[in-house]
Amino acid sequence: MNRIAMLRKEKGLSQISLSLKLNVSQKMISAYENGKSEPSIATLMQMADIFNTSVDYIIGYTCLLYTSPSPRD
């Protein structure tokens, strides 16, 4: 899940600030970013909203980064 770290940094968020938005621990964000754990579908959907992209982009299924409007709009 290297894209999580990339997207987080592009948004100027720390692991702690992202963890607060997602209601998970900072250690969990680190685990997502290092491939030691995978976020739930609900968490992926929250991330997609925060990063204004698609779940498919976050998980590496597509290389298309949606910026605006949200693909679910």
Protein backbone atom coordinates (compact mmCIF):
# COMPACT_ATOMS: atom_id res chain seq x y z
CA MET A 1 0.00 0.00 0.00
CA ASN A 2 2.75 2.43 -0.92
CA ARG A 3 0.17 4.76 -2.42
CA ILE A 4 -1.26 5.49 1.01
CA ALA A 5 2.02 7.05 2.12
CA MET A 6 2.36 8.95 -1.14
CA LEU A 7 -1.19 10.32 -0.97
CA ARG A 8 -0.85 11.15 2.72
CA LYS A 9 2.33 13.12 2.10
CA GLU A 10 0.80 14.93 -0.91
CA LYS A 11 -2.04 16.07 1.37
CA GLY A 12 0.49 17.22 3.97
CA LEU A 13 -0.86 14.82 6.60
CA SER A 14 1.17 13.07 9.25
CA GLN A 15 0.46 9.46 10.13
CA ILE A 16 -1.08 10.70 13.38
CA SER A 17 -3.41 13.19 11.67
CA LEU A 18 -4.56 10.54 9.16
CA SER A 19 -5.08 8.06 11.97
CA LEU A 20 -7.33 10.55 13.77
CA LYS A 21 -9.40 11.10 10.60
CA LEU A 22 -9.79 7.33 10.17
CA ASN A 23 -10.23 6.53 13.87
CA VAL A 24 -7.35 4.04 13.86
CA SER A 25 -3.96 4.10 15.57
CA GLN A 26 -0.81 5.64 14.10
CA LYS A 27 0.72 2.15 14.25
CA MET A 28 -2.08 0.91 12.00
CA ILE A 29 -1.35 3.63 9.43
CA SER A 30 2.30 2.60 9.52
CA ALA A 31 1.28 -1.04 9.04
CA TYR A 32 -0.89 -0.10 6.04
CA GLU A 33 1.95 1.86 4.49
CA ASN A 34 4.49 -0.92 5.06
CA GLY A 35 2.25 -3.71 3.79
CA LYS A 36 2.01 -5.40 7.19
CA SER A 37 -1.76 -4.93 7.36
CA GLU A 38 -4.52 -4.13 4.89
CA PRO A 39 -7.25 -1.57 5.53
CA SER A 40 -10.86 -2.68 5.54
CA ILE A 41 -13.11 -1.72 2.65
CA ALA A 42 -14.77 0.88 4.86
CA THR A 43 -11.37 2.38 5.72
CA LEU A 44 -10.35 2.36 2.06
CA MET A 45 -13.55 4.24 1.21
CA GLN A 46 -12.78 6.83 3.90
CA MET A 47 -9.25 7.20 2.52
CA ALA A 48 -10.60 7.67 -0.99
CA ASP A 49 -12.78 10.51 0.27
CA ILE A 50 -9.92 12.11 2.22
CA PHE A 51 -7.51 11.85 -0.71
CA ASN A 52 -10.14 12.64 -3.37
CA THR A 53 -9.32 9.53 -5.37
CA SER A 54 -10.72 6.05 -5.91
CA VAL A 55 -10.30 2.89 -3.86
CA ASP A 56 -9.00 1.31 -7.07
CA TYR A 57 -6.17 3.85 -7.20
CA ILE A 58 -5.26 3.36 -3.54
CA ILE A 59 -4.99 -0.42 -3.91
CA GLY A 60 -3.07 -0.17 -7.19
CA TYR A 61 -5.83 -1.56 -9.43
CA THR A 62 -5.67 1.50 -11.67
CA CYS A 63 -3.09 4.17 -12.37
CA LEU A 64 -5.73 6.87 -12.86
CA LEU A 65 -5.66 9.37 -10.02
CA TYR A 66 -9.00 11.16 -9.78
CA THR A 67 -8.68 14.67 -8.49
CA SER A 68 -12.09 16.25 -9.03
CA PRO A 69 -14.92 15.47 -9.06
CA SER A 70 -14.90 12.37 -6.91
CA PRO A 71 -15.51 9.22 -8.97
CA ARG A 72 -18.52 8.46 -6.76
CA ASP A 73 -20.21 11.81 -7.48
